[in-house]
Amino acid sequence: MIEFEDFQRVEMATGTIIDAKPNEKARVPAYILRIDFGESWGEKTSSAQLTANYATADLVGRQIVAVMNFPPRRIAGVKSEVLVLGAVSDEHGVVLLRPDFGVEDGAAIG
């Protein structure tokens, strides 16, 4: 178990996907996402394994939730700066977490 204080150190925010393209270098099919997190965080890049449920055209304009304060990781040639969050389902694979209503990009999750 983690302490509540541990959870409070995880910074999560909403963002809008502004570009999505296949990551040709990935061994497991993935997309390179460019996400706008508003004035507070700016634009960030992420590599996400979402190809089973989402086409690139379906992703652009979609709001998502991401972890902001993990250190960047190089994934299949991409500097992944944030971790896009999704529920992992046996039936559906990765299903993106997103707000029910449009909120400002960069809104904190708490």
PDB file of N, CA and C in Angstrom:
ATOM      1  N   MET A   1       0.829  -1.181   0.000  1.00  0.00           N
ATOM      2  CA  MET A   1       0.000   0.000   0.000  1.00  0.00           C
ATOM      3  C   MET A   1       0.878   1.251   0.000  1.00  0.00           C
ATOM      4  N   ILE A   2       0.355   2.300  -0.611  1.00  0.00           N
ATOM      5  CA  ILE A   2       1.058   3.579  -0.579  1.00  0.00           C
ATOM      6  C   ILE A   2       0.329   4.510   0.388  1.00  0.00           C
ATOM      7  N   GLU A   3       1.040   5.495   0.846  1.00  0.00           N
ATOM      8  CA  GLU A   3       0.447   6.508   1.702  1.00  0.00           C
ATOM      9  C   GLU A   3      -0.221   7.571   0.831  1.00  0.00           C
ATOM     10  N   PHE A   4      -1.204   8.275   1.387  1.00  0.00           N
ATOM     11  CA  PHE A   4      -1.895   9.327   0.661  1.00  0.00           C
ATOM     12  C   PHE A   4      -0.915  10.385   0.162  1.00  0.00           C
ATOM     13  N   GLU A   5       0.102  10.660   0.937  1.00  0.00           N
ATOM     14  CA  GLU A   5       1.105  11.649   0.550  1.00  0.00           C
ATOM     15  C   GLU A   5       1.839  11.209  -0.725  1.00  0.00           C
ATOM     16  N   ASP A   6       2.042   9.892  -0.899  1.00  0.00           N
ATOM     17  CA  ASP A   6       2.662   9.382  -2.119  1.00  0.00           C
ATOM     18  C   ASP A   6       1.784   9.698  -3.333  1.00  0.00           C
ATOM     19  N   PHE A   7       0.486   9.463  -3.187  1.00  0.00           N
ATOM     20  CA  PHE A   7      -0.449   9.746  -4.278  1.00  0.00           C
ATOM     21  C   PHE A   7      -0.451  11.239  -4.611  1.00  0.00           C
ATOM     22  N   GLN A   8      -0.376  12.084  -3.598  1.00  0.00           N
ATOM     23  CA  GLN A   8      -0.407  13.524  -3.824  1.00  0.00           C
ATOM     24  C   GLN A   8       0.791  14.022  -4.633  1.00  0.00           C
ATOM     25  N   ARG A   9       1.872  13.263  -4.648  1.00  0.00           N
ATOM     26  CA  ARG A   9       3.045  13.668  -5.423  1.00  0.00           C
ATOM     27  C   ARG A   9       2.884  13.404  -6.918  1.00  0.00           C
ATOM     28  N   VAL A  10       1.905  12.589  -7.303  1.00  0.00           N
ATOM     29  CA  VAL A  10       1.658  12.306  -8.712  1.00  0.00           C
ATOM     30  C   VAL A  10       0.850  13.464  -9.299  1.00  0.00           C
ATOM     31  N   GLU A  11       1.438  14.153 -10.268  1.00  0.00           N
ATOM     32  CA  GLU A  11       0.766  15.274 -10.912  1.00  0.00           C
ATOM     33  C   GLU A  11       0.109  14.788 -12.199  1.00  0.00           C
ATOM     34  N   MET A  12      -1.210  14.916 -12.252  1.00  0.00           N
ATOM     35  CA  MET A  12      -1.978  14.523 -13.427  1.00  0.00           C
ATOM     36  C   MET A  12      -2.725  15.739 -13.949  1.00  0.00           C
ATOM     37  N   ALA A  13      -2.906  15.789 -15.262  1.00  0.00           N
ATOM     38  CA  ALA A  13      -3.591  16.931 -15.878  1.00  0.00           C
ATOM     39  C   ALA A  13      -4.318  16.479 -17.134  1.00  0.00           C
ATOM     40  N   THR A  14      -5.275  17.315 -17.551  1.00  0.00           N
ATOM     41  CA  THR A  14      -5.984  17.079 -18.804  1.00  0.00           C
ATOM     42  C   THR A  14      -5.232  17.745 -19.949  1.00  0.00           C
ATOM     43  N   GLY A  15      -5.368  17.169 -21.114  1.00  0.00           N
ATOM     44  CA  GLY A  15      -4.774  17.739 -22.313  1.00  0.00           C
ATOM     45  C   GLY A  15      -5.590  17.341 -23.525  1.00  0.00           C
ATOM     46  N   THR A  16      -5.375  18.049 -24.623  1.00  0.00           N
ATOM     47  CA  THR A  16      -6.060  17.733 -25.876  1.00  0.00           C
ATOM     48  C   THR A  16      -5.034  17.265 -26.898  1.00  0.00           C
ATOM     49  N   ILE A  17      -5.301  16.125 -27.508  1.00  0.00           N
ATOM     50  CA  ILE A  17      -4.404  15.584 -28.539  1.00  0.00           C
ATOM     51  C   ILE A  17      -4.518  16.471 -29.777  1.00  0.00           C
ATOM     52  N   ILE A  18      -3.377  17.001 -30.213  1.00  0.00           N
ATOM     53  CA  ILE A  18      -3.372  17.887 -31.384  1.00  0.00           C
ATOM     54  C   ILE A  18      -2.761  17.215 -32.622  1.00  0.00           C
ATOM     55  N   ASP A  19      -2.067  16.091 -32.409  1.00  0.00           N
ATOM     56  CA  ASP A  19      -1.513  15.341 -33.539  1.00  0.00           C
ATOM     57  C   ASP A  19      -1.304  13.899 -33.104  1.00  0.00           C
ATOM     58  N   ALA A  20      -1.565  12.976 -34.009  1.00  0.00           N
ATOM     59  CA  ALA A  20      -1.358  11.547 -33.754  1.00  0.00           C
ATOM     60  C   ALA A  20      -0.877  10.899 -35.036  1.00  0.00           C
ATOM     61  N   LYS A  21       0.221  10.133 -34.912  1.00  0.00           N
ATOM     62  CA  LYS A  21       0.724   9.420 -36.082  1.00  0.00           C
ATOM     63  C   LYS A  21       1.335   8.096 -35.617  1.00  0.00           C
ATOM     64  N   PRO A  22       1.373   7.116 -36.510  1.00  0.00           N
ATOM     65  CA  PRO A  22       1.966   5.824 -36.129  1.00  0.00           C
ATOM     66  C   PRO A  22       3.442   5.971 -35.794  1.00  0.00           C
ATOM     67  N   ASN A  23       3.876   5.229 -34.796  1.00  0.00           N
ATOM     68  CA  ASN A  23       5.298   5.165 -34.476  1.00  0.00           C
ATOM     69  C   ASN A  23       5.865   3.966 -35.235  1.00  0.00           C
ATOM     70  N   GLU A  24       6.477   4.246 -36.353  1.00  0.00           N
ATOM     71  CA  GLU A  24       6.984   3.201 -37.245  1.00  0.00           C
ATOM     72  C   GLU A  24       8.102   2.370 -36.611  1.00  0.00           C
ATOM     73  N   LYS A  25       8.788   2.914 -35.605  1.00  0.00           N
ATOM     74  CA  LYS A  25       9.901   2.206 -34.974  1.00  0.00           C
ATOM     75  C   LYS A  25       9.476   1.293 -33.832  1.00  0.00           C
ATOM     76  N   ALA A  26       8.232   1.382 -33.407  1.00  0.00           N
ATOM     77  CA  ALA A  26       7.766   0.602 -32.255  1.00  0.00           C
ATOM     78  C   ALA A  26       7.616  -0.874 -32.620  1.00  0.00           C
ATOM     79  N   ARG A  27       8.093  -1.750 -31.716  1.00  0.00           N
ATOM     80  CA  ARG A  27       7.912  -3.191 -31.925  1.00  0.00           C
ATOM     81  C   ARG A  27       6.453  -3.580 -31.741  1.00  0.00           C
ATOM     82  N   VAL A  28       5.808  -3.011 -30.724  1.00  0.00           N
ATOM     83  CA  VAL A  28       4.375  -3.188 -30.514  1.00  0.00           C
ATOM     84  C   VAL A  28       3.707  -1.948 -31.108  1.00  0.00           C
ATOM     85  N   PRO A  29       2.685  -2.113 -31.948  1.00  0.00           N
ATOM     86  CA  PRO A  29       2.077  -0.949 -32.599  1.00  0.00           C
ATOM     87  C   PRO A  29       1.721   0.151 -31.597  1.00  0.00           C
ATOM     88  N   ALA A  30       2.099   1.384 -31.933  1.00  0.00           N
ATOM     89  CA  ALA A  30       1.874   2.526 -31.053  1.00  0.00           C
ATOM     90  C   ALA A  30       1.739   3.791 -31.882  1.00  0.00           C
ATOM     91  N   TYR A  31       1.215   4.823 -31.231  1.00  0.00           N
ATOM     92  CA  TYR A  31       1.115   6.138 -31.841  1.00  0.00           C
ATOM     93  C   TYR A  31       2.045   7.111 -31.121  1.00  0.00           C
ATOM     94  N   ILE A  32       2.525   8.086 -31.874  1.00  0.00           N
ATOM     95  CA  ILE A  32       3.199   9.238 -31.298  1.00  0.00           C
ATOM     96  C   ILE A  32       2.134  10.322 -31.185  1.00  0.00           C
ATOM     97  N   LEU A  33       1.893  10.777 -29.965  1.00  0.00           N
ATOM     98  CA  LEU A  33       0.874  11.783 -29.708  1.00  0.00           C
ATOM     99  C   LEU A  33       1.528  13.108 -29.340  1.00  0.00           C
ATOM    100  N   ARG A  34       1.006  14.186 -29.892  1.00  0.00           N
ATOM    101  CA  ARG A  34       1.392  15.538 -29.471  1.00  0.00           C
ATOM    102  C   ARG A  34       0.172  16.083 -28.743  1.00  0.00           C
ATOM    103  N   ILE A  35       0.366  16.498 -27.492  1.00  0.00           N
ATOM    104  CA  ILE A  35      -0.755  16.847 -26.622  1.00  0.00           C
ATOM    105  C   ILE A  35      -0.564  18.261 -26.079  1.00  0.00           C
ATOM    106  N   ASP A  36      -1.622  19.056 -26.134  1.00  0.00           N
ATOM    107  CA  ASP A  36      -1.603  20.419 -25.604  1.00  0.00           C
ATOM    108  C   ASP A  36      -2.155  20.402 -24.179  1.00  0.00           C
ATOM    109  N   PHE A  37      -1.303  20.783 -23.223  1.00  0.00           N
ATOM    110  CA  PHE A  37      -1.705  20.847 -21.821  1.00  0.00           C
ATOM    111  C   PHE A  37      -1.889  22.286 -21.351  1.00  0.00           C
ATOM    112  N   GLY A  38      -2.112  23.191 -22.274  1.00  0.00           N
ATOM    113  CA  GLY A  38      -2.404  24.579 -21.923  1.00  0.00           C
ATOM    114  C   GLY A  38      -1.179  25.330 -21.436  1.00  0.00           C
ATOM    115  N   GLU A  39      -1.439  26.518 -20.893  1.00  0.00           N
ATOM    116  CA  GLU A  39      -0.353  27.392 -20.459  1.00  0.00           C
ATOM    117  C   GLU A  39       0.475  26.797 -19.335  1.00  0.00           C
ATOM    118  N   SER A  40      -0.152  26.019 -18.471  1.00  0.00           N
ATOM    119  CA  SER A  40       0.570  25.515 -17.298  1.00  0.00           C
ATOM    120  C   SER A  40       1.644  24.494 -17.657  1.00  0.00           C
ATOM    121  N   TRP A  41       1.425  23.667 -18.670  1.00  0.00           N
ATOM    122  CA  TRP A  41       2.381  22.603 -19.014  1.00  0.00           C
ATOM    123  C   TRP A  41       2.905  22.705 -20.437  1.00  0.00           C
ATOM    124  N   GLY A  42       2.183  23.375 -21.334  1.00  0.00           N
ATOM    125  CA  GLY A  42       2.604  23.468 -22.731  1.00  0.00           C
ATOM    126  C   GLY A  42       2.294  22.204 -23.514  1.00  0.00           C
ATOM    127  N   GLU A  43       2.954  22.034 -24.642  1.00  0.00           N
ATOM    128  CA  GLU A  43       2.776  20.850 -25.481  1.00  0.00           C
ATOM    129  C   GLU A  43       3.782  19.790 -25.084  1.00  0.00           C
ATOM    130  N   LYS A  44       3.321  18.547 -25.059  1.00  0.00           N
ATOM    131  CA  LYS A  44       4.165  17.398 -24.696  1.00  0.00           C
ATOM    132  C   LYS A  44       3.936  16.278 -25.698  1.00  0.00           C
ATOM    133  N   THR A  45       4.927  15.384 -25.782  1.00  0.00           N
ATOM    134  CA  THR A  45       4.858  14.221 -26.661  1.00  0.00           C
ATOM    135  C   THR A  45       4.749  12.956 -25.820  1.00  0.00           C
ATOM    136  N   SER A  46       4.003  11.983 -26.342  1.00  0.00           N
ATOM    137  CA  SER A  46       3.895  10.694 -25.671  1.00  0.00           C
ATOM    138  C   SER A  46       3.801   9.591 -26.714  1.00  0.00           C
ATOM    139  N   SER A  47       4.328   8.433 -26.376  1.00  0.00           N
ATOM    140  CA  SER A  47       4.142   7.233 -27.189  1.00  0.00           C
ATOM    141  C   SER A  47       3.102   6.384 -26.473  1.00  0.00           C
ATOM    142  N   ALA A  48       2.061   5.980 -27.193  1.00  0.00           N
ATOM    143  CA  ALA A  48       0.961   5.256 -26.551  1.00  0.00           C
ATOM    144  C   ALA A  48       0.501   4.091 -27.414  1.00  0.00           C
ATOM    145  N   GLN A  49       0.316   2.934 -26.788  1.00  0.00           N
ATOM    146  CA  GLN A  49      -0.143   1.731 -27.479  1.00  0.00           C
ATOM    147  C   GLN A  49      -1.672   1.716 -27.496  1.00  0.00           C
ATOM    148  N   LEU A  50      -2.229   2.458 -28.439  1.00  0.00           N
ATOM    149  CA  LEU A  50      -3.680   2.632 -28.534  1.00  0.00           C
ATOM    150  C   LEU A  50      -4.258   2.158 -29.856  1.00  0.00           C
ATOM    151  N   THR A  51      -3.443   1.505 -30.673  1.00  0.00           N
ATOM    152  CA  THR A  51      -3.855   1.207 -32.047  1.00  0.00           C
ATOM    153  C   THR A  51      -5.015   0.213 -32.135  1.00  0.00           C
ATOM    154  N   ALA A  52      -5.233  -0.600 -31.117  1.00  0.00           N
ATOM    155  CA  ALA A  52      -6.309  -1.592 -31.168  1.00  0.00           C
ATOM    156  C   ALA A  52      -7.693  -0.938 -31.152  1.00  0.00           C
ATOM    157  N   ASN A  53      -7.823   0.191 -30.487  1.00  0.00           N
ATOM    158  CA  ASN A  53      -9.142   0.816 -30.322  1.00  0.00           C
ATOM    159  C   ASN A  53      -9.316   2.156 -31.017  1.00  0.00           C
ATOM    160  N   TYR A  54      -8.215   2.795 -31.402  1.00  0.00           N
ATOM    161  CA  TYR A  54      -8.312   4.162 -31.898  1.00  0.00           C
ATOM    162  C   TYR A  54      -7.530   4.336 -33.190  1.00  0.00           C
ATOM    163  N   ALA A  55      -8.146   5.023 -34.140  1.00  0.00           N
ATOM    164  CA  ALA A  55      -7.446   5.471 -35.348  1.00  0.00           C
ATOM    165  C   ALA A  55      -6.904   6.867 -35.069  1.00  0.00           C
ATOM    166  N   THR A  56      -5.871   7.273 -35.783  1.00  0.00           N
ATOM    167  CA  THR A  56      -5.285   8.593 -35.540  1.00  0.00           C
ATOM    168  C   THR A  56      -6.344   9.694 -35.668  1.00  0.00           C
ATOM    169  N   ALA A  57      -7.235   9.577 -36.628  1.00  0.00           N
ATOM    170  CA  ALA A  57      -8.276  10.598 -36.824  1.00  0.00           C
ATOM    171  C   ALA A  57      -9.221  10.679 -35.629  1.00  0.00           C
ATOM    172  N   ASP A  58      -9.429   9.554 -34.936  1.00  0.00           N
ATOM    173  CA  ASP A  58     -10.295   9.537 -33.748  1.00  0.00           C
ATOM    174  C   ASP A  58      -9.635  10.211 -32.553  1.00  0.00           C
ATOM    175  N   LEU A  59      -8.317  10.268 -32.541  1.00  0.00           N
ATOM    176  CA  LEU A  59      -7.584  10.796 -31.390  1.00  0.00           C
ATOM    177  C   LEU A  59      -7.435  12.311 -31.419  1.00  0.00           C
ATOM    178  N   VAL A  60      -7.244  12.874 -32.588  1.00  0.00           N
ATOM    179  CA  VAL A  60      -7.028  14.321 -32.692  1.00  0.00           C
ATOM    180  C   VAL A  60      -8.285  15.046 -32.217  1.00  0.00           C
ATOM    181  N   GLY A  61      -8.087  15.971 -31.265  1.00  0.00           N
ATOM    182  CA  GLY A  61      -9.189  16.727 -30.682  1.00  0.00           C
ATOM    183  C   GLY A  61      -9.760  16.116 -29.414  1.00  0.00           C
ATOM    184  N   ARG A  62      -9.323  14.916 -29.072  1.00  0.00           N
ATOM    185  CA  ARG A  62      -9.837  14.224 -27.882  1.00  0.00           C
ATOM    186  C   ARG A  62      -9.081  14.669 -26.641  1.00  0.00           C
ATOM    187  N   GLN A  63      -9.812  14.955 -25.571  1.00  0.00           N
ATOM    188  CA  GLN A  63      -9.167  15.248 -24.294  1.00  0.00           C
ATOM    189  C   GLN A  63      -8.800  13.944 -23.598  1.00  0.00           C
ATOM    190  N   ILE A  64      -7.657  13.988 -22.919  1.00  0.00           N
ATOM    191  CA  ILE A  64      -7.156  12.822 -22.203  1.00  0.00           C
ATOM    192  C   ILE A  64      -6.661  13.259 -20.825  1.00  0.00           C
ATOM    193  N   VAL A  65      -6.265  12.271 -20.034  1.00  0.00           N
ATOM    194  CA  VAL A  65      -5.646  12.507 -18.733  1.00  0.00           C
ATOM    195  C   VAL A  65      -4.258  11.878 -18.784  1.00  0.00           C
ATOM    196  N   ALA A  66      -3.265  12.582 -18.249  1.00  0.00           N
ATOM    197  CA  ALA A  66      -1.890  12.071 -18.274  1.00  0.00           C
ATOM    198  C   ALA A  66      -1.173  12.383 -16.964  1.00  0.00           C
ATOM    199  N   VAL A  67      -0.196  11.522 -16.649  1.00  0.00           N
ATOM    200  CA  VAL A  67       0.724  11.794 -15.550  1.00  0.00           C
ATOM    201  C   VAL A  67       1.815  12.692 -16.105  1.00  0.00           C
ATOM    202  N   MET A  68       2.051  13.805 -15.412  1.00  0.00           N
ATOM    203  CA  MET A  68       2.945  14.835 -15.926  1.00  0.00           C
ATOM    204  C   MET A  68       4.358  14.772 -15.356  1.00  0.00           C
ATOM    205  N   ASN A  69       4.532  14.217 -14.173  1.00  0.00           N
ATOM    206  CA  ASN A  69       5.822  14.362 -13.500  1.00  0.00           C
ATOM    207  C   ASN A  69       6.651  13.088 -13.411  1.00  0.00           C
ATOM    208  N   PHE A  70       6.480  12.187 -14.370  1.00  0.00           N
ATOM    209  CA  PHE A  70       7.458  11.111 -14.533  1.00  0.00           C
ATOM    210  C   PHE A  70       8.612  11.670 -15.356  1.00  0.00           C
ATOM    211  N   PRO A  71       9.816  11.168 -15.160  1.00  0.00           N
ATOM    212  CA  PRO A  71      10.898  11.623 -16.034  1.00  0.00           C
ATOM    213  C   PRO A  71      10.654  11.147 -17.470  1.00  0.00           C
ATOM    214  N   PRO A  72      11.069  11.943 -18.473  1.00  0.00           N
ATOM    215  CA  PRO A  72      10.907  11.504 -19.870  1.00  0.00           C
ATOM    216  C   PRO A  72      11.623  10.180 -20.117  1.00  0.00           C
ATOM    217  N   ARG A  73      11.039   9.371 -21.012  1.00  0.00           N
ATOM    218  CA  ARG A  73      11.638   8.089 -21.392  1.00  0.00           C
ATOM    219  C   ARG A  73      11.719   8.026 -22.905  1.00  0.00           C
ATOM    220  N   ARG A  74      12.772   7.407 -23.402  1.00  0.00           N
ATOM    221  CA  ARG A  74      12.908   7.200 -24.837  1.00  0.00           C
ATOM    222  C   ARG A  74      12.244   5.868 -25.161  1.00  0.00           C
ATOM    223  N   ILE A  75      11.204   5.923 -25.998  1.00  0.00           N
ATOM    224  CA  ILE A  75      10.443   4.726 -26.363  1.00  0.00           C
ATOM    225  C   ILE A  75      10.417   4.640 -27.882  1.00  0.00           C
ATOM    226  N   ALA A  76      11.067   3.647 -28.425  1.00  0.00           N
ATOM    227  CA  ALA A  76      11.100   3.416 -29.873  1.00  0.00           C
ATOM    228  C   ALA A  76      11.434   4.701 -30.632  1.00  0.00           C
ATOM    229  N   GLY A  77      12.479   5.386 -30.175  1.00  0.00           N
ATOM    230  CA  GLY A  77      12.950   6.576 -30.859  1.00  0.00           C
ATOM    231  C   GLY A  77      12.203   7.856 -30.523  1.00  0.00           C
ATOM    232  N   VAL A  78      11.246   7.799 -29.605  1.00  0.00           N
ATOM    233  CA  VAL A  78      10.439   8.960 -29.252  1.00  0.00           C
ATOM    234  C   VAL A  78      10.718   9.350 -27.804  1.00  0.00           C
ATOM    235  N   LYS A  79      10.922  10.645 -27.571  1.00  0.00           N
ATOM    236  CA  LYS A  79      11.036  11.138 -26.196  1.00  0.00           C
ATOM    237  C   LYS A  79       9.619  11.281 -25.657  1.00  0.00           C
ATOM    238  N   SER A  80       9.203  10.308 -24.830  1.00  0.00           N
ATOM    239  CA  SER A  80       7.867  10.307 -24.254  1.00  0.00           C
ATOM    240  C   SER A  80       7.914  11.093 -22.951  1.00  0.00           C
ATOM    241  N   GLU A  81       7.227  12.253 -22.948  1.00  0.00           N
ATOM    242  CA  GLU A  81       7.325  13.183 -21.822  1.00  0.00           C
ATOM    243  C   GLU A  81       6.229  13.015 -20.785  1.00  0.00           C
ATOM    244  N   VAL A  82       5.121  12.394 -21.154  1.00  0.00           N
ATOM    245  CA  VAL A  82       4.008  12.180 -20.232  1.00  0.00           C
ATOM    246  C   VAL A  82       3.474  10.762 -20.418  1.00  0.00           C
ATOM    247  N   LEU A  83       2.774  10.271 -19.392  1.00  0.00           N
ATOM    248  CA  LEU A  83       2.141   8.957 -19.468  1.00  0.00           C
ATOM    249  C   LEU A  83       0.641   9.155 -19.626  1.00  0.00           C
ATOM    250  N   VAL A  84       0.122   8.842 -20.810  1.00  0.00           N
ATOM    251  CA  VAL A  84      -1.313   8.934 -21.065  1.00  0.00           C
ATOM    252  C   VAL A  84      -1.986   7.773 -20.339  1.00  0.00           C
ATOM    253  N   LEU A  85      -3.063   8.077 -19.603  1.00  0.00           N
ATOM    254  CA  LEU A  85      -3.709   7.066 -18.772  1.00  0.00           C
ATOM    255  C   LEU A  85      -4.877   6.404 -19.487  1.00  0.00           C
ATOM    256  N   GLY A  86      -4.988   5.094 -19.277  1.00  0.00           N
ATOM    257  CA  GLY A  86      -6.089   4.323 -19.820  1.00  0.00           C
ATOM    258  C   GLY A  86      -6.394   3.146 -18.924  1.00  0.00           C
ATOM    259  N   ALA A  87      -7.621   2.684 -19.005  1.00  0.00           N
ATOM    260  CA  ALA A  87      -8.023   1.471 -18.296  1.00  0.00           C
ATOM    261  C   ALA A  87      -7.669   0.281 -19.178  1.00  0.00           C
ATOM    262  N   VAL A  88      -7.120  -0.765 -18.580  1.00  0.00           N
ATOM    263  CA  VAL A  88      -6.745  -1.958 -19.326  1.00  0.00           C
ATOM    264  C   VAL A  88      -7.837  -2.998 -19.115  1.00  0.00           C
ATOM    265  N   SER A  89      -8.470  -3.377 -20.215  1.00  0.00           N
ATOM    266  CA  SER A  89      -9.607  -4.288 -20.182  1.00  0.00           C
ATOM    267  C   SER A  89      -9.274  -5.557 -20.954  1.00  0.00           C
ATOM    268  N   ASP A  90      -9.626  -6.708 -20.410  1.00  0.00           N
ATOM    269  CA  ASP A  90      -9.426  -7.967 -21.131  1.00  0.00           C
ATOM    270  C   ASP A  90     -10.199  -7.955 -22.446  1.00  0.00           C
ATOM    271  N   GLU A  91     -11.376  -7.367 -22.435  1.00  0.00           N
ATOM    272  CA  GLU A  91     -12.233  -7.356 -23.614  1.00  0.00           C
ATOM    273  C   GLU A  91     -11.839  -6.287 -24.633  1.00  0.00           C
ATOM    274  N   HIS A  92     -11.431  -5.101 -24.153  1.00  0.00           N
ATOM    275  CA  HIS A  92     -11.224  -3.972 -25.054  1.00  0.00           C
ATOM    276  C   HIS A  92      -9.788  -3.496 -25.180  1.00  0.00           C
ATOM    277  N   GLY A  93      -8.876  -4.027 -24.401  1.00  0.00           N
ATOM    278  CA  GLY A  93      -7.511  -3.515 -24.425  1.00  0.00           C
ATOM    279  C   GLY A  93      -7.441  -2.214 -23.656  1.00  0.00           C
ATOM    280  N   VAL A  94      -6.635  -1.252 -24.131  1.00  0.00           N
ATOM    281  CA  VAL A  94      -6.481   0.030 -23.444  1.00  0.00           C
ATOM    282  C   VAL A  94      -7.590   0.983 -23.887  1.00  0.00           C
ATOM    283  N   VAL A  95      -8.327   1.497 -22.898  1.00  0.00           N
ATOM    284  CA  VAL A  95      -9.406   2.455 -23.131  1.00  0.00           C
ATOM    285  C   VAL A  95      -9.011   3.753 -22.439  1.00  0.00           C
ATOM    286  N   LEU A  96      -8.907   4.838 -23.196  1.00  0.00           N
ATOM    287  CA  LEU A  96      -8.450   6.114 -22.659  1.00  0.00           C
ATOM    288  C   LEU A  96      -9.337   6.642 -21.537  1.00  0.00           C
ATOM    289  N   LEU A  97      -8.690   7.233 -20.524  1.00  0.00           N
ATOM    290  CA  LEU A  97      -9.415   7.971 -19.498  1.00  0.00           C
ATOM    291  C   LEU A  97      -9.557   9.404 -19.987  1.00  0.00           C
ATOM    292  N   ARG A  98     -10.743   9.978 -19.817  1.00  0.00           N
ATOM    293  CA  ARG A  98     -10.968  11.350 -20.257  1.00  0.00           C
ATOM    294  C   ARG A  98     -12.103  11.962 -19.452  1.00  0.00           C
ATOM    295  N   PRO A  99     -12.129  13.298 -19.388  1.00  0.00           N
ATOM    296  CA  PRO A  99     -13.210  13.959 -18.665  1.00  0.00           C
ATOM    297  C   PRO A  99     -14.551  13.748 -19.368  1.00  0.00           C
ATOM    298  N   ASP A 100     -15.621  13.685 -18.588  1.00  0.00           N
ATOM    299  CA  ASP A 100     -16.965  13.585 -19.168  1.00  0.00           C
ATOM    300  C   ASP A 100     -17.368  14.864 -19.889  1.00  0.00           C
ATOM    301  N   PHE A 101     -16.851  15.999 -19.417  1.00  0.00           N
ATOM    302  CA  PHE A 101     -17.151  17.297 -19.996  1.00  0.00           C
ATOM    303  C   PHE A 101     -15.833  17.963 -20.375  1.00  0.00           C
ATOM    304  N   GLY A 102     -15.867  18.808 -21.385  1.00  0.00           N
ATOM    305  CA  GLY A 102     -14.670  19.529 -21.772  1.00  0.00           C
ATOM    306  C   GLY A 102     -14.201  20.451 -20.651  1.00  0.00           C
ATOM    307  N   VAL A 103     -12.953  20.379 -20.321  1.00  0.00           N
ATOM    308  CA  VAL A 103     -12.354  21.252 -19.307  1.00  0.00           C
ATOM    309  C   VAL A 103     -11.128  21.902 -19.930  1.00  0.00           C
ATOM    310  N   GLU A 104     -10.593  22.919 -19.259  1.00  0.00           N
ATOM    311  CA  GLU A 104      -9.427  23.586 -19.819  1.00  0.00           C
ATOM    312  C   GLU A 104      -8.234  22.638 -19.820  1.00  0.00           C
ATOM    313  N   ASP A 105      -7.425  22.749 -20.872  1.00  0.00           N
ATOM    314  CA  ASP A 105      -6.200  21.951 -20.939  1.00  0.00           C
ATOM    315  C   ASP A 105      -5.283  22.363 -19.790  1.00  0.00           C
ATOM    316  N   GLY A 106      -4.732  21.371 -19.134  1.00  0.00           N
ATOM    317  CA  GLY A 106      -3.864  21.626 -17.996  1.00  0.00           C
ATOM    318  C   GLY A 106      -4.587  21.550 -16.665  1.00  0.00           C
ATOM    319  N   ALA A 107      -5.903  21.282 -16.691  1.00  0.00           N
ATOM    320  CA  ALA A 107      -6.643  21.163 -15.426  1.00  0.00           C
ATOM    321  C   ALA A 107      -6.068  20.022 -14.597  1.00  0.00           C
ATOM    322  N   ALA A 108      -5.856  20.286 -13.329  1.00  0.00           N
ATOM    323  CA  ALA A 108      -5.285  19.271 -12.431  1.00  0.00           C
ATOM    324  C   ALA A 108      -6.309  18.198 -12.117  1.00  0.00           C
ATOM    325  N   ILE A 109      -5.835  16.973 -11.967  1.00  0.00           N
ATOM    326  CA  ILE A 109      -6.664  15.861 -11.549  1.00  0.00           C
ATOM    327  C   ILE A 109      -6.425  15.652 -10.058  1.00  0.00           C
ATOM    328  N   GLY A 110      -7.498  15.576  -9.299  1.00  0.00           N
ATOM    329  CA  GLY A 110      -7.307  15.434  -7.862  1.00  0.00           C
ATOM    330  C   GLY A 110      -8.432  14.686  -7.217  1.00  0.00           C
TER     331      GLY A 110
END
